[in-house]
N, C-alpha and C. Protein backbone atom coordinates (compact mmCIF):
# COMPACT_ATOMS: atom_id res chain seq x y z
N MET A 1 120.10 27.72 142.78
CA MET A 1 119.12 27.55 143.84
C MET A 1 119.72 27.99 145.17
N GLU A 2 118.93 28.61 145.99
CA GLU A 2 119.35 29.01 147.33
C GLU A 2 118.98 27.89 148.31
N LEU A 3 120.01 27.30 148.93
CA LEU A 3 119.82 26.17 149.82
C LEU A 3 120.26 26.55 151.23
N ALA A 4 119.34 26.47 152.19
CA ALA A 4 119.66 26.76 153.58
C ALA A 4 119.68 25.45 154.36
N ILE A 5 120.74 25.26 155.13
CA ILE A 5 120.85 24.08 155.97
C ILE A 5 120.84 24.55 157.42
N LEU A 6 119.67 24.46 158.05
CA LEU A 6 119.54 24.89 159.44
C LEU A 6 120.09 23.79 160.34
N GLY A 7 120.80 24.20 161.38
CA GLY A 7 121.56 23.21 162.13
C GLY A 7 122.80 22.80 161.37
N GLY A 8 123.26 23.69 160.52
CA GLY A 8 124.40 23.40 159.66
C GLY A 8 125.72 23.30 160.39
N THR A 9 125.72 23.58 161.70
CA THR A 9 126.94 23.44 162.48
C THR A 9 127.03 22.06 163.12
N GLY A 10 125.97 21.25 163.01
CA GLY A 10 125.96 19.90 163.56
C GLY A 10 126.50 18.89 162.56
N ASP A 11 126.51 17.62 162.97
CA ASP A 11 127.16 16.57 162.18
C ASP A 11 126.53 16.39 160.80
N ILE A 12 125.21 16.11 160.75
CA ILE A 12 124.57 15.86 159.46
C ILE A 12 124.50 17.15 158.66
N GLY A 13 124.33 18.28 159.33
CA GLY A 13 124.32 19.56 158.64
C GLY A 13 125.66 19.84 157.98
N GLU A 14 126.74 19.54 158.70
CA GLU A 14 128.09 19.72 158.13
C GLU A 14 128.27 18.83 156.91
N GLY A 15 127.89 17.56 157.03
CA GLY A 15 128.07 16.64 155.91
C GLY A 15 127.31 17.07 154.67
N LEU A 16 126.06 17.47 154.85
CA LEU A 16 125.26 17.91 153.71
C LEU A 16 125.79 19.21 153.12
N ALA A 17 126.23 20.13 153.97
CA ALA A 17 126.78 21.38 153.46
C ALA A 17 128.02 21.12 152.62
N MET A 18 128.90 20.26 153.11
CA MET A 18 130.13 19.97 152.39
C MET A 18 129.84 19.32 151.04
N ARG A 19 128.94 18.36 151.02
CA ARG A 19 128.67 17.64 149.77
C ARG A 19 127.92 18.52 148.76
N PHE A 20 126.93 19.28 149.22
CA PHE A 20 126.21 20.14 148.29
C PHE A 20 127.15 21.23 147.75
N ALA A 21 128.04 21.73 148.58
CA ALA A 21 128.99 22.74 148.11
C ALA A 21 129.98 22.15 147.12
N ALA A 22 130.41 20.92 147.37
CA ALA A 22 131.42 20.29 146.51
C ALA A 22 130.84 19.81 145.19
N ASP A 23 129.59 19.35 145.21
CA ASP A 23 129.02 18.66 144.05
C ASP A 23 128.04 19.48 143.23
N THR A 24 127.62 20.64 143.73
CA THR A 24 126.61 21.42 143.02
C THR A 24 127.04 22.88 142.96
N ASP A 25 126.29 23.66 142.20
CA ASP A 25 126.55 25.10 142.15
C ASP A 25 125.48 25.88 142.90
N HIS A 26 124.74 25.21 143.79
CA HIS A 26 123.74 25.90 144.60
C HIS A 26 124.42 26.84 145.60
N ALA A 27 123.76 27.93 145.92
CA ALA A 27 124.24 28.85 146.95
C ALA A 27 123.89 28.26 148.32
N ILE A 28 124.90 28.01 149.14
CA ILE A 28 124.71 27.32 150.42
C ILE A 28 124.83 28.31 151.57
N THR A 29 123.81 28.32 152.43
CA THR A 29 123.86 29.08 153.67
C THR A 29 123.56 28.14 154.83
N ILE A 30 124.41 28.14 155.83
CA ILE A 30 124.11 27.35 157.01
C ILE A 30 123.54 28.26 158.09
N GLY A 31 122.56 27.73 158.79
CA GLY A 31 121.88 28.49 159.83
C GLY A 31 122.12 27.88 161.19
N SER A 32 122.03 28.71 162.21
CA SER A 32 122.17 28.28 163.59
C SER A 32 121.40 29.26 164.46
N ARG A 33 121.09 28.84 165.68
CA ARG A 33 120.50 29.80 166.62
C ARG A 33 121.49 30.92 166.93
N ASP A 34 122.79 30.63 166.77
CA ASP A 34 123.86 31.60 167.01
C ASP A 34 124.46 31.98 165.67
N ALA A 35 124.16 33.19 165.19
CA ALA A 35 124.64 33.62 163.88
C ALA A 35 126.16 33.65 163.80
N ALA A 36 126.81 34.07 164.89
CA ALA A 36 128.27 34.14 164.88
C ALA A 36 128.87 32.75 164.75
N LYS A 37 128.29 31.77 165.42
CA LYS A 37 128.78 30.40 165.31
C LYS A 37 128.62 29.89 163.89
N ALA A 38 127.47 30.19 163.27
CA ALA A 38 127.23 29.75 161.90
C ALA A 38 128.23 30.40 160.95
N SER A 39 128.51 31.67 161.13
CA SER A 39 129.45 32.38 160.27
C SER A 39 130.86 31.81 160.41
N GLU A 40 131.26 31.52 161.64
CA GLU A 40 132.59 30.96 161.88
C GLU A 40 132.71 29.57 161.26
N ARG A 41 131.68 28.74 161.43
CA ARG A 41 131.72 27.39 160.88
C ARG A 41 131.70 27.43 159.35
N ALA A 42 130.95 28.36 158.78
CA ALA A 42 130.91 28.49 157.32
C ALA A 42 132.29 28.79 156.77
N ARG A 43 133.03 29.66 157.44
CA ARG A 43 134.39 29.96 157.00
C ARG A 43 135.28 28.72 157.06
N ALA A 44 135.10 27.93 158.13
CA ALA A 44 135.90 26.71 158.26
C ALA A 44 135.56 25.71 157.16
N TYR A 45 134.28 25.59 156.83
CA TYR A 45 133.89 24.70 155.74
C TYR A 45 134.52 25.16 154.43
N GLY A 46 134.48 26.47 154.21
CA GLY A 46 135.05 27.01 152.98
C GLY A 46 136.54 26.72 152.86
N GLU A 47 137.26 26.80 153.98
CA GLU A 47 138.68 26.50 153.96
C GLU A 47 138.94 25.04 153.63
N ARG A 48 138.13 24.14 154.19
CA ARG A 48 138.29 22.71 153.90
C ARG A 48 137.98 22.42 152.44
N LEU A 49 136.96 23.05 151.91
CA LEU A 49 136.62 22.86 150.51
C LEU A 49 137.74 23.37 149.61
N ALA A 50 138.30 24.52 149.95
CA ALA A 50 139.39 25.08 149.15
C ALA A 50 140.59 24.14 149.15
N ALA A 51 140.84 23.47 150.28
CA ALA A 51 141.95 22.53 150.36
C ALA A 51 141.73 21.33 149.44
N HIS A 52 140.49 21.08 149.09
CA HIS A 52 140.15 19.99 148.16
C HIS A 52 139.95 20.51 146.73
N GLY A 53 140.31 21.75 146.50
CA GLY A 53 140.21 22.30 145.16
C GLY A 53 138.84 22.80 144.78
N VAL A 54 137.97 22.99 145.76
CA VAL A 54 136.62 23.49 145.51
C VAL A 54 136.56 24.95 145.93
N GLU A 55 136.47 25.82 144.96
CA GLU A 55 136.41 27.26 145.24
C GLU A 55 134.95 27.70 145.24
N THR A 56 134.37 27.74 146.41
CA THR A 56 132.99 28.19 146.55
C THR A 56 132.83 28.85 147.91
N GLU A 57 131.79 29.63 148.06
CA GLU A 57 131.56 30.35 149.30
C GLU A 57 130.35 29.77 150.01
N ILE A 58 130.50 29.47 151.29
CA ILE A 58 129.38 29.09 152.14
C ILE A 58 129.15 30.23 153.12
N ASN A 59 127.90 30.65 153.24
CA ASN A 59 127.55 31.72 154.17
C ASN A 59 126.96 31.14 155.44
N GLY A 60 127.05 31.90 156.52
CA GLY A 60 126.48 31.48 157.78
C GLY A 60 125.74 32.62 158.46
N THR A 61 124.57 32.32 159.02
CA THR A 61 123.76 33.35 159.69
C THR A 61 122.79 32.65 160.63
N ASP A 62 121.86 33.40 161.18
CA ASP A 62 120.86 32.79 162.07
C ASP A 62 119.83 32.05 161.24
N ASN A 63 119.10 31.14 161.91
CA ASN A 63 118.16 30.27 161.21
C ASN A 63 117.12 31.03 160.40
N SER A 64 116.53 32.05 160.99
CA SER A 64 115.46 32.79 160.30
C SER A 64 115.98 33.49 159.06
N SER A 65 117.14 34.13 159.16
CA SER A 65 117.70 34.82 158.00
C SER A 65 118.07 33.83 156.90
N ALA A 66 118.60 32.68 157.28
CA ALA A 66 118.96 31.66 156.30
C ALA A 66 117.73 31.15 155.57
N ALA A 67 116.67 30.87 156.31
CA ALA A 67 115.46 30.32 155.71
C ALA A 67 114.73 31.34 154.86
N ALA A 68 114.78 32.61 155.24
CA ALA A 68 114.01 33.64 154.56
C ALA A 68 114.40 33.78 153.09
N SER A 69 115.68 33.59 152.78
CA SER A 69 116.15 33.80 151.41
C SER A 69 116.29 32.51 150.63
N ALA A 70 115.86 31.39 151.21
CA ALA A 70 116.11 30.08 150.59
C ALA A 70 114.95 29.60 149.73
N ASP A 71 115.29 28.77 148.76
CA ASP A 71 114.29 28.02 148.01
C ASP A 71 114.01 26.68 148.68
N VAL A 72 115.06 26.09 149.25
CA VAL A 72 114.95 24.81 149.94
C VAL A 72 115.60 24.96 151.31
N VAL A 73 114.93 24.45 152.34
CA VAL A 73 115.43 24.51 153.71
C VAL A 73 115.56 23.08 154.23
N ILE A 74 116.79 22.67 154.55
CA ILE A 74 117.02 21.37 155.16
C ILE A 74 117.11 21.56 156.66
N LEU A 75 116.25 20.86 157.39
CA LEU A 75 116.16 21.02 158.84
C LEU A 75 117.06 19.99 159.52
N ALA A 76 118.36 20.26 159.50
CA ALA A 76 119.33 19.36 160.12
C ALA A 76 119.41 19.66 161.61
N ILE A 77 118.24 19.60 162.24
CA ILE A 77 118.04 20.02 163.62
C ILE A 77 117.78 18.76 164.46
N PRO A 78 118.32 18.67 165.68
CA PRO A 78 117.97 17.54 166.54
C PRO A 78 116.45 17.43 166.68
N PRO A 79 115.92 16.21 166.72
CA PRO A 79 114.46 16.04 166.70
C PRO A 79 113.73 16.76 167.83
N HIS A 80 114.38 16.89 168.98
CA HIS A 80 113.70 17.54 170.11
C HIS A 80 113.67 19.07 169.96
N HIS A 81 114.35 19.61 168.95
CA HIS A 81 114.31 21.04 168.70
C HIS A 81 113.64 21.41 167.38
N VAL A 82 113.38 20.41 166.53
CA VAL A 82 112.93 20.74 165.18
C VAL A 82 111.54 21.38 165.19
N GLY A 83 110.66 20.92 166.06
CA GLY A 83 109.32 21.51 166.12
C GLY A 83 109.37 22.98 166.52
N ASP A 84 110.17 23.28 167.55
CA ASP A 84 110.31 24.66 168.00
C ASP A 84 110.92 25.54 166.91
N THR A 85 111.85 24.96 166.15
CA THR A 85 112.49 25.72 165.08
C THR A 85 111.49 26.09 164.00
N VAL A 86 110.66 25.13 163.59
CA VAL A 86 109.65 25.41 162.56
C VAL A 86 108.64 26.43 163.07
N GLU A 87 108.24 26.29 164.31
CA GLU A 87 107.30 27.26 164.87
C GLU A 87 107.92 28.65 164.95
N ALA A 88 109.21 28.74 165.29
CA ALA A 88 109.88 30.04 165.34
C ALA A 88 109.97 30.67 163.96
N LEU A 89 110.26 29.85 162.95
CA LEU A 89 110.30 30.37 161.58
C LEU A 89 108.92 30.87 161.15
N THR A 90 107.88 30.17 161.57
CA THR A 90 106.51 30.59 161.25
C THR A 90 106.18 31.91 161.94
N GLU A 91 106.54 32.00 163.22
CA GLU A 91 106.28 33.23 163.97
C GLU A 91 107.06 34.42 163.40
N ASP A 92 108.26 34.14 162.88
CA ASP A 92 109.05 35.20 162.28
C ASP A 92 108.57 35.56 160.87
N ASP A 93 107.59 34.81 160.39
CA ASP A 93 106.96 35.07 159.08
C ASP A 93 107.97 34.99 157.94
N VAL A 94 108.86 34.00 158.01
CA VAL A 94 109.86 33.85 156.95
C VAL A 94 109.55 32.67 156.03
N LEU A 95 108.56 31.86 156.39
CA LEU A 95 108.19 30.73 155.55
C LEU A 95 107.03 31.10 154.65
N SER A 96 107.19 30.85 153.35
CA SER A 96 106.11 31.10 152.41
C SER A 96 105.87 29.86 151.58
N ASP A 97 106.75 29.60 150.62
CA ASP A 97 106.60 28.41 149.80
C ASP A 97 107.91 27.64 149.68
N GLN A 98 108.84 27.87 150.62
CA GLN A 98 110.08 27.10 150.61
C GLN A 98 109.77 25.61 150.80
N LEU A 99 110.59 24.79 150.21
CA LEU A 99 110.50 23.35 150.43
C LEU A 99 111.28 23.01 151.69
N LEU A 100 110.61 22.38 152.67
CA LEU A 100 111.27 21.93 153.89
C LEU A 100 111.61 20.45 153.75
N ILE A 101 112.85 20.10 154.04
CA ILE A 101 113.28 18.70 154.03
C ILE A 101 113.77 18.34 155.42
N SER A 102 113.22 17.27 155.98
CA SER A 102 113.61 16.84 157.31
C SER A 102 114.43 15.55 157.24
N PRO A 103 115.67 15.56 157.77
CA PRO A 103 116.46 14.34 157.90
C PRO A 103 116.51 13.82 159.34
N ALA A 104 115.76 14.44 160.25
CA ALA A 104 115.89 14.13 161.67
C ALA A 104 115.21 12.80 162.02
N VAL A 105 115.76 12.14 163.02
CA VAL A 105 115.24 10.85 163.49
C VAL A 105 115.18 10.86 165.01
N GLY A 106 114.05 10.46 165.57
CA GLY A 106 113.91 10.36 167.01
C GLY A 106 114.50 9.05 167.52
N MET A 107 115.50 9.15 168.40
CA MET A 107 116.16 7.97 168.93
C MET A 107 116.51 8.20 170.40
N ASN A 108 116.61 7.11 171.15
CA ASN A 108 117.28 7.17 172.44
C ASN A 108 118.09 5.90 172.60
N GLY A 109 119.00 5.92 173.57
CA GLY A 109 119.92 4.81 173.69
C GLY A 109 119.93 4.21 175.07
N ASP A 110 120.39 2.97 175.14
CA ASP A 110 120.65 2.29 176.40
C ASP A 110 121.90 1.45 176.21
N GLY A 111 122.14 0.54 177.13
CA GLY A 111 123.34 -0.27 177.04
C GLY A 111 123.41 -1.17 175.83
N ASP A 112 122.27 -1.46 175.23
CA ASP A 112 122.24 -2.34 174.07
C ASP A 112 122.46 -1.61 172.76
N GLY A 113 122.14 -0.33 172.74
CA GLY A 113 122.28 0.42 171.49
C GLY A 113 121.26 1.53 171.40
N LEU A 114 120.99 1.97 170.18
CA LEU A 114 120.00 3.02 169.92
C LEU A 114 118.68 2.40 169.49
N HIS A 115 117.60 3.07 169.86
CA HIS A 115 116.26 2.57 169.54
C HIS A 115 115.41 3.71 168.99
N TYR A 116 114.58 3.38 168.02
CA TYR A 116 113.73 4.39 167.37
C TYR A 116 112.66 4.84 168.33
N ARG A 117 112.52 6.15 168.49
CA ARG A 117 111.52 6.74 169.37
C ARG A 117 110.84 7.90 168.64
N PRO A 118 109.84 7.61 167.83
CA PRO A 118 109.17 8.68 167.08
C PRO A 118 108.26 9.50 167.98
N PRO A 119 107.93 10.71 167.58
CA PRO A 119 106.94 11.50 168.31
C PRO A 119 105.55 10.91 168.12
N SER A 120 104.58 11.46 168.81
CA SER A 120 103.22 10.91 168.77
C SER A 120 102.60 11.00 167.38
N THR A 121 103.10 11.87 166.53
CA THR A 121 102.58 11.99 165.17
C THR A 121 102.96 10.80 164.30
N GLY A 122 103.92 9.99 164.75
CA GLY A 122 104.32 8.81 164.00
C GLY A 122 105.72 8.88 163.45
N SER A 123 106.20 10.08 163.13
CA SER A 123 107.56 10.27 162.62
C SER A 123 107.93 11.74 162.78
N VAL A 124 109.24 12.01 162.77
CA VAL A 124 109.68 13.40 162.87
C VAL A 124 109.26 14.17 161.62
N THR A 125 109.30 13.52 160.46
CA THR A 125 108.91 14.19 159.23
C THR A 125 107.45 14.64 159.29
N GLU A 126 106.57 13.78 159.79
CA GLU A 126 105.16 14.15 159.93
C GLU A 126 105.00 15.24 161.00
N PHE A 127 105.82 15.18 162.02
CA PHE A 127 105.82 16.21 163.07
C PHE A 127 106.13 17.58 162.47
N VAL A 128 107.12 17.63 161.58
CA VAL A 128 107.47 18.87 160.90
C VAL A 128 106.30 19.35 160.05
N ALA A 129 105.69 18.44 159.29
CA ALA A 129 104.57 18.81 158.41
C ALA A 129 103.40 19.36 159.21
N GLU A 130 103.19 18.81 160.40
CA GLU A 130 102.08 19.25 161.24
C GLU A 130 102.28 20.68 161.72
N ARG A 131 103.52 21.10 161.90
CA ARG A 131 103.81 22.43 162.43
C ARG A 131 104.12 23.47 161.36
N ALA A 132 104.38 23.04 160.17
CA ALA A 132 104.67 23.98 159.09
C ALA A 132 103.38 24.61 158.56
N PRO A 133 103.45 25.82 158.03
CA PRO A 133 102.27 26.42 157.39
C PRO A 133 101.78 25.55 156.24
N GLU A 134 100.49 25.59 155.96
CA GLU A 134 99.91 24.74 154.92
C GLU A 134 100.51 25.02 153.54
N SER A 135 100.98 26.23 153.33
CA SER A 135 101.53 26.58 152.02
C SER A 135 102.93 26.04 151.80
N VAL A 136 103.54 25.50 152.83
CA VAL A 136 104.95 25.07 152.76
C VAL A 136 105.02 23.56 152.58
N PRO A 137 105.54 23.09 151.46
CA PRO A 137 105.67 21.65 151.24
C PRO A 137 106.75 21.04 152.12
N VAL A 138 106.52 19.82 152.56
CA VAL A 138 107.45 19.12 153.45
C VAL A 138 107.78 17.76 152.87
N ALA A 139 109.04 17.39 152.95
CA ALA A 139 109.48 16.06 152.52
C ALA A 139 110.48 15.55 153.55
N GLY A 140 110.72 14.25 153.50
CA GLY A 140 111.75 13.64 154.33
C GLY A 140 112.82 13.01 153.44
N ALA A 141 114.07 13.19 153.80
CA ALA A 141 115.18 12.60 153.03
C ALA A 141 116.45 12.69 153.88
N PHE A 142 117.49 11.99 153.45
CA PHE A 142 118.83 12.01 154.05
C PHE A 142 118.89 11.36 155.43
N HIS A 143 117.82 10.65 155.84
CA HIS A 143 117.80 10.08 157.20
C HIS A 143 118.90 9.07 157.44
N ASN A 144 119.22 8.28 156.44
CA ASN A 144 120.08 7.12 156.64
C ASN A 144 121.50 7.32 156.15
N LEU A 145 121.89 8.56 155.89
CA LEU A 145 123.25 8.84 155.43
C LEU A 145 124.17 9.03 156.63
N ALA A 146 125.36 8.46 156.56
CA ALA A 146 126.34 8.58 157.64
C ALA A 146 126.98 9.96 157.59
N ALA A 147 126.81 10.74 158.66
CA ALA A 147 127.27 12.12 158.67
C ALA A 147 128.78 12.23 158.49
N ASP A 148 129.53 11.38 159.18
CA ASP A 148 130.99 11.47 159.09
C ASP A 148 131.48 11.18 157.67
N ARG A 149 130.86 10.23 157.01
CA ARG A 149 131.28 9.88 155.65
C ARG A 149 130.92 11.01 154.68
N LEU A 150 129.77 11.64 154.88
CA LEU A 150 129.40 12.78 154.05
C LEU A 150 130.43 13.90 154.18
N ALA A 151 130.84 14.16 155.40
CA ALA A 151 131.74 15.30 155.65
C ALA A 151 133.16 15.04 155.17
N ASP A 152 133.51 13.78 154.95
CA ASP A 152 134.85 13.42 154.51
C ASP A 152 134.89 13.43 152.98
N LEU A 153 135.41 14.49 152.42
CA LEU A 153 135.42 14.63 150.96
C LEU A 153 136.38 13.66 150.28
N GLU A 154 137.22 12.99 151.06
CA GLU A 154 138.07 11.96 150.49
C GLU A 154 137.31 10.65 150.30
N ALA A 155 136.17 10.51 150.98
CA ALA A 155 135.40 9.27 150.94
C ALA A 155 134.52 9.24 149.69
N THR A 156 134.50 8.10 149.03
CA THR A 156 133.62 7.88 147.88
C THR A 156 132.29 7.33 148.38
N LEU A 157 131.22 7.92 147.94
CA LEU A 157 129.89 7.48 148.36
C LEU A 157 129.29 6.53 147.34
N ASP A 158 128.54 5.57 147.83
CA ASP A 158 127.76 4.67 146.99
C ASP A 158 126.58 4.20 147.82
N VAL A 159 125.64 5.11 148.07
CA VAL A 159 124.55 4.86 148.99
C VAL A 159 123.22 5.36 148.41
N ASP A 160 122.15 4.86 148.98
CA ASP A 160 120.81 5.30 148.62
C ASP A 160 120.22 6.12 149.76
N THR A 161 119.33 7.03 149.41
CA THR A 161 118.54 7.72 150.42
C THR A 161 117.08 7.69 149.98
N LEU A 162 116.20 7.43 150.92
CA LEU A 162 114.77 7.31 150.63
C LEU A 162 114.09 8.66 150.81
N VAL A 163 113.17 8.95 149.91
CA VAL A 163 112.47 10.24 149.89
C VAL A 163 110.98 10.01 150.11
N VAL A 164 110.41 10.70 151.07
CA VAL A 164 108.97 10.63 151.31
C VAL A 164 108.36 12.01 151.18
N ALA A 165 107.21 12.08 150.55
CA ALA A 165 106.46 13.34 150.39
C ALA A 165 105.05 12.99 149.95
N ASP A 166 104.08 13.76 150.40
CA ASP A 166 102.70 13.49 150.02
C ASP A 166 102.41 13.86 148.57
N ASP A 167 103.07 14.90 148.09
CA ASP A 167 102.88 15.38 146.72
C ASP A 167 103.97 14.80 145.83
N PRO A 168 103.63 14.04 144.79
CA PRO A 168 104.65 13.48 143.90
C PRO A 168 105.56 14.54 143.30
N ALA A 169 105.02 15.74 143.04
CA ALA A 169 105.84 16.81 142.49
C ALA A 169 106.91 17.25 143.48
N VAL A 170 106.56 17.26 144.77
CA VAL A 170 107.54 17.61 145.80
C VAL A 170 108.60 16.52 145.88
N SER A 171 108.18 15.27 145.83
CA SER A 171 109.14 14.16 145.82
C SER A 171 110.10 14.29 144.65
N ASP A 172 109.58 14.65 143.49
CA ASP A 172 110.42 14.81 142.31
C ASP A 172 111.46 15.91 142.52
N ARG A 173 111.07 17.00 143.18
CA ARG A 173 112.01 18.09 143.45
C ARG A 173 113.15 17.62 144.34
N VAL A 174 112.82 16.85 145.36
CA VAL A 174 113.85 16.35 146.28
C VAL A 174 114.75 15.34 145.57
N VAL A 175 114.14 14.48 144.77
CA VAL A 175 114.93 13.51 144.01
C VAL A 175 115.90 14.23 143.08
N SER A 176 115.44 15.25 142.39
CA SER A 176 116.29 16.00 141.47
C SER A 176 117.43 16.69 142.21
N LEU A 177 117.12 17.29 143.35
CA LEU A 177 118.14 17.96 144.15
C LEU A 177 119.19 16.97 144.63
N THR A 178 118.73 15.83 145.14
CA THR A 178 119.63 14.84 145.72
C THR A 178 120.49 14.15 144.68
N ALA A 179 119.93 13.98 143.49
CA ALA A 179 120.67 13.29 142.42
C ALA A 179 121.93 14.03 142.02
N ASP A 180 122.06 15.31 142.40
CA ASP A 180 123.26 16.07 142.09
C ASP A 180 124.44 15.69 142.99
N LEU A 181 124.16 14.96 144.08
CA LEU A 181 125.23 14.56 144.99
C LEU A 181 125.90 13.29 144.45
N ALA A 182 127.18 13.36 144.22
CA ALA A 182 127.90 12.23 143.66
C ALA A 182 127.84 11.02 144.59
N GLY A 183 127.37 9.90 144.06
CA GLY A 183 127.35 8.66 144.84
C GLY A 183 126.15 8.50 145.73
N VAL A 184 125.17 9.40 145.65
CA VAL A 184 123.95 9.28 146.44
C VAL A 184 122.77 9.12 145.49
N ARG A 185 122.07 7.99 145.60
CA ARG A 185 120.92 7.73 144.74
C ARG A 185 119.62 7.94 145.52
N PRO A 186 118.80 8.91 145.13
CA PRO A 186 117.51 9.12 145.79
C PRO A 186 116.46 8.14 145.27
N ILE A 187 115.68 7.57 146.18
CA ILE A 187 114.65 6.60 145.81
C ILE A 187 113.33 7.04 146.44
N PRO A 188 112.29 7.33 145.64
CA PRO A 188 110.99 7.67 146.21
C PRO A 188 110.44 6.50 147.02
N ALA A 189 109.91 6.81 148.21
CA ALA A 189 109.38 5.78 149.09
C ALA A 189 107.96 6.06 149.53
N GLY A 190 107.23 6.89 148.76
CA GLY A 190 105.83 7.10 149.04
C GLY A 190 105.55 8.33 149.89
N PRO A 191 104.36 8.38 150.48
CA PRO A 191 103.92 9.58 151.22
C PRO A 191 104.56 9.68 152.60
N LEU A 192 104.25 10.78 153.29
CA LEU A 192 104.81 11.02 154.62
C LEU A 192 104.42 9.94 155.62
N SER A 193 103.32 9.26 155.40
CA SER A 193 102.91 8.19 156.31
C SER A 193 103.90 7.03 156.32
N ASN A 194 104.80 6.98 155.34
CA ASN A 194 105.84 5.95 155.31
C ASN A 194 107.14 6.41 155.98
N ALA A 195 107.13 7.61 156.51
CA ALA A 195 108.38 8.16 157.06
C ALA A 195 108.88 7.36 158.26
N ALA A 196 107.99 6.82 159.07
CA ALA A 196 108.43 6.08 160.25
C ALA A 196 109.29 4.89 159.86
N GLU A 197 108.88 4.18 158.81
CA GLU A 197 109.66 3.03 158.36
C GLU A 197 111.03 3.46 157.86
N VAL A 198 111.08 4.60 157.18
CA VAL A 198 112.36 5.11 156.68
C VAL A 198 113.26 5.55 157.84
N GLU A 199 112.70 6.33 158.74
CA GLU A 199 113.49 6.86 159.86
C GLU A 199 114.01 5.75 160.76
N SER A 200 113.24 4.68 160.92
CA SER A 200 113.63 3.62 161.86
C SER A 200 114.86 2.85 161.40
N LEU A 201 115.25 3.01 160.13
CA LEU A 201 116.47 2.36 159.66
C LEU A 201 117.72 2.96 160.29
N THR A 202 117.64 4.23 160.70
CA THR A 202 118.84 4.91 161.17
C THR A 202 119.42 4.28 162.44
N PRO A 203 118.64 4.07 163.50
CA PRO A 203 119.24 3.41 164.67
C PRO A 203 119.73 2.00 164.36
N LEU A 204 119.07 1.30 163.45
CA LEU A 204 119.54 -0.02 163.05
C LEU A 204 120.94 0.06 162.45
N LEU A 205 121.16 1.01 161.54
CA LEU A 205 122.46 1.15 160.90
C LEU A 205 123.54 1.51 161.92
N ILE A 206 123.21 2.40 162.84
CA ILE A 206 124.18 2.78 163.87
C ILE A 206 124.53 1.58 164.75
N ASN A 207 123.53 0.77 165.08
CA ASN A 207 123.79 -0.41 165.90
C ASN A 207 124.65 -1.43 165.16
N ILE A 208 124.41 -1.58 163.86
CA ILE A 208 125.25 -2.49 163.07
C ILE A 208 126.72 -2.05 163.14
N ALA A 209 126.94 -0.75 162.98
CA ALA A 209 128.31 -0.24 163.05
C ALA A 209 128.91 -0.46 164.43
N ARG A 210 128.10 -0.34 165.46
CA ARG A 210 128.59 -0.53 166.83
C ARG A 210 129.05 -1.95 167.08
N TYR A 211 128.32 -2.92 166.56
CA TYR A 211 128.60 -4.31 166.88
C TYR A 211 129.50 -5.01 165.86
N ASN A 212 129.99 -4.27 164.88
CA ASN A 212 130.87 -4.86 163.88
C ASN A 212 132.08 -3.95 163.67
N GLU A 213 133.23 -4.41 164.13
CA GLU A 213 134.42 -3.56 164.10
C GLU A 213 134.84 -3.17 162.69
N ASP A 214 134.51 -4.02 161.72
CA ASP A 214 134.94 -3.74 160.35
C ASP A 214 133.91 -2.96 159.54
N MET A 215 132.87 -2.47 160.22
CA MET A 215 131.83 -1.73 159.53
C MET A 215 131.65 -0.37 160.19
N HIS A 216 132.01 0.68 159.46
CA HIS A 216 131.88 2.04 159.98
C HIS A 216 131.10 2.88 159.00
N ASP A 217 130.40 3.87 159.51
CA ASP A 217 129.63 4.77 158.65
C ASP A 217 128.74 3.97 157.70
N VAL A 218 127.95 3.08 158.28
CA VAL A 218 127.13 2.16 157.49
C VAL A 218 126.03 2.92 156.76
N GLY A 219 125.79 2.56 155.51
CA GLY A 219 124.70 3.11 154.72
C GLY A 219 123.87 1.99 154.11
N VAL A 220 122.93 2.35 153.28
CA VAL A 220 122.07 1.34 152.65
C VAL A 220 122.13 1.49 151.13
N SER A 221 122.00 0.37 150.47
CA SER A 221 121.92 0.34 149.01
C SER A 221 120.90 -0.72 148.63
N PHE A 222 119.88 -0.32 147.88
CA PHE A 222 118.79 -1.23 147.52
C PHE A 222 119.02 -1.78 146.13
N THR A 223 118.92 -3.11 146.01
CA THR A 223 119.11 -3.74 144.71
C THR A 223 117.93 -4.65 144.38
């Protein structure tokens, strides 16, 4: 499978790129607004993977080129840029039937911590769906995974991630893709209208880590 991770030079993009490259045989391309930056970061990821005994190639290019050749596009884009990114991909006519997955969460912070701030559509995932072409399926996943822990290949994962999608078949595709990641259990959580509840867990987890010295890179596990 061809997997494009747009925003692959950022924290969550890096973590997902490293884990998908280490745990699967999918072809990984990271995208960025700056193709040279994406290419340089892809080389660095490849070197880190090789140091862990993983011989695979990660490619880097601009967002549109990465998305054009992909089967699945993960939008590891800051929430305030994700809408513009989807619209740019649409204008570039590179989206047809790729599966779009959004892990972005709208948050802002103050002295007390981080707080959930969704867009007017109700969630970032729904915001993406509103801007994507009708032919392009959209799902939400990976919202509550700790980016630093994902990127650390020495770390053992034992976490759950919730998957939202309006079409059960789309949810099944995301669940199947995610299940290939060692230590990450995908759990269907219903349609996109449930995305706000899923996304709002992220600032809570970050705040827990902030206020507890012995808790870092907090994740969730449902029993």
